[in-house]
C-alpha atoms as a PDB file:
ATOM      1  CA  MET A   1      28.947 -49.982 126.158  1.00  0.00           C
ATOM      2  CA  GLY A   2      29.090 -47.003 124.139  1.00  0.00           C
ATOM      3  CA  LYS A   3      27.906 -46.742 120.267  1.00  0.00           C
ATOM      4  CA  LEU A   4      31.731 -45.792 119.901  1.00  0.00           C
ATOM      5  CA  ASP A   5      33.449 -48.159 121.961  1.00  0.00           C
ATOM      6  CA  GLY A   6      37.234 -48.831 119.769  1.00  0.00           C
ATOM      7  CA  LYS A   7      36.682 -46.125 117.782  1.00  0.00           C
ATOM      8  CA  VAL A   8      39.022 -42.919 117.371  1.00  0.00           C
ATOM      9  CA  ALA A   9      37.849 -39.225 116.634  1.00  0.00           C
ATOM     10  CA  CYS A  10      40.067 -36.537 115.362  1.00  0.00           C
ATOM     11  CA  ILE A  11      38.393 -33.319 115.965  1.00  0.00           C
ATOM     12  CA  THR A  12      39.733 -29.449 114.561  1.00  0.00           C
ATOM     13  CA  GLY A  13      38.844 -26.827 116.208  1.00  0.00           C
ATOM     14  CA  GLY A  14      38.037 -29.078 119.356  1.00  0.00           C
ATOM     15  CA  THR A  15      38.819 -26.657 122.172  1.00  0.00           C
ATOM     16  CA  ARG A  16      35.400 -24.567 121.975  1.00  0.00           C
ATOM     17  CA  SER A  17      32.012 -24.154 120.915  1.00  0.00           C
ATOM     18  CA  ILE A  18      30.933 -26.847 118.817  1.00  0.00           C
ATOM     19  CA  GLY A  19      34.329 -28.723 118.340  1.00  0.00           C
ATOM     20  CA  ARG A  20      34.540 -29.064 121.755  1.00  0.00           C
ATOM     21  CA  GLY A  21      30.531 -30.514 122.458  1.00  0.00           C
ATOM     22  CA  ILE A  22      31.482 -33.293 119.807  1.00  0.00           C
ATOM     23  CA  ALA A  23      34.774 -33.925 121.563  1.00  0.00           C
ATOM     24  CA  GLU A  24      32.700 -34.193 124.376  1.00  0.00           C
ATOM     25  CA  ALA A  25      29.776 -36.492 122.919  1.00  0.00           C
ATOM     26  CA  PHE A  26      32.504 -38.938 121.617  1.00  0.00           C
ATOM     27  CA  LEU A  27      34.185 -39.035 124.803  1.00  0.00           C
ATOM     28  CA  ALA A  28      30.976 -39.974 126.233  1.00  0.00           C
ATOM     29  CA  GLU A  29      29.656 -42.121 123.804  1.00  0.00           C
ATOM     30  CA  GLY A  30      33.283 -44.403 124.354  1.00  0.00           C
ATOM     31  CA  ALA A  31      35.293 -42.953 121.916  1.00  0.00           C
ATOM     32  CA  SER A  32      39.044 -41.797 121.951  1.00  0.00           C
ATOM     33  CA  VAL A  33      39.492 -38.410 120.848  1.00  0.00           C
ATOM     34  CA  VAL A  34      42.366 -35.982 119.545  1.00  0.00           C
ATOM     35  CA  VAL A  35      41.534 -32.721 119.747  1.00  0.00           C
ATOM     36  CA  ASN A  36      43.527 -30.051 117.618  1.00  0.00           C
ATOM     37  CA  GLY A  37      43.354 -26.422 118.179  1.00  0.00           C
ATOM     38  CA  ARG A  38      45.834 -23.421 118.012  1.00  0.00           C
ATOM     39  CA  ASP A  39      46.405 -22.623 122.017  1.00  0.00           C
ATOM     40  CA  GLU A  40      48.554 -25.274 123.774  1.00  0.00           C
ATOM     41  CA  ALA A  41      47.637 -23.646 127.035  1.00  0.00           C
ATOM     42  CA  LYS A  42      44.004 -23.934 126.168  1.00  0.00           C
ATOM     43  CA  GLY A  43      44.165 -27.718 124.613  1.00  0.00           C
ATOM     44  CA  ALA A  44      45.722 -28.932 127.642  1.00  0.00           C
ATOM     45  CA  ARG A  45      42.808 -27.631 130.288  1.00  0.00           C
ATOM     46  CA  CYS A  46      40.160 -28.546 127.922  1.00  0.00           C
ATOM     47  CA  ILE A  47      41.614 -32.026 127.941  1.00  0.00           C
ATOM     48  CA  GLU A  48      42.002 -32.088 131.870  1.00  0.00           C
ATOM     49  CA  GLU A  49      38.173 -30.497 132.093  1.00  0.00           C
ATOM     50  CA  MET A  50      36.622 -32.957 129.901  1.00  0.00           C
ATOM     51  CA  GLY A  51      38.224 -35.746 132.054  1.00  0.00           C
ATOM     52  CA  GLY A  52      38.728 -37.839 128.837  1.00  0.00           C
ATOM     53  CA  GLY A  53      42.132 -39.694 130.846  1.00  0.00           C
ATOM     54  CA  ASP A  54      43.835 -41.520 128.691  1.00  0.00           C
ATOM     55  CA  ARG A  55      41.098 -41.748 126.091  1.00  0.00           C
ATOM     56  CA  ALA A  56      41.665 -37.965 125.041  1.00  0.00           C
ATOM     57  CA  ALA A  57      45.267 -36.065 123.550  1.00  0.00           C
ATOM     58  CA  PHE A  58      45.530 -32.601 122.335  1.00  0.00           C
ATOM     59  CA  PHE A  59      47.729 -31.689 119.181  1.00  0.00           C
ATOM     60  CA  GLY A  60      48.428 -28.424 118.325  1.00  0.00           C
ATOM     61  CA  GLY A  61      48.696 -26.407 114.866  1.00  0.00           C
ATOM     62  CA  ASP A  62      46.850 -24.610 112.377  1.00  0.00           C
ATOM     63  CA  ALA A  63      44.494 -27.134 110.411  1.00  0.00           C
ATOM     64  CA  SER A  64      43.217 -24.323 107.589  1.00  0.00           C
ATOM     65  CA  THR A  65      47.250 -24.620 106.581  1.00  0.00           C
ATOM     66  CA  GLN A  66      49.011 -27.292 104.963  1.00  0.00           C
ATOM     67  CA  GLU A  67      52.220 -26.701 107.056  1.00  0.00           C
END
């Protein structure tokens, strides 16, 4: 059992660097994660590489704009 079992985290900029590290750490602690980024292909690859299965999803878009 992880510290974050049953929790959901939404991580913007989560396909690389610090954001990706946070997503991986949250998954390791039992959370489900929704990763946001601008590049759909990079997002799909990121989710596959993290191995989160049904506990990880990617949502494309630019979080720096309201649209």
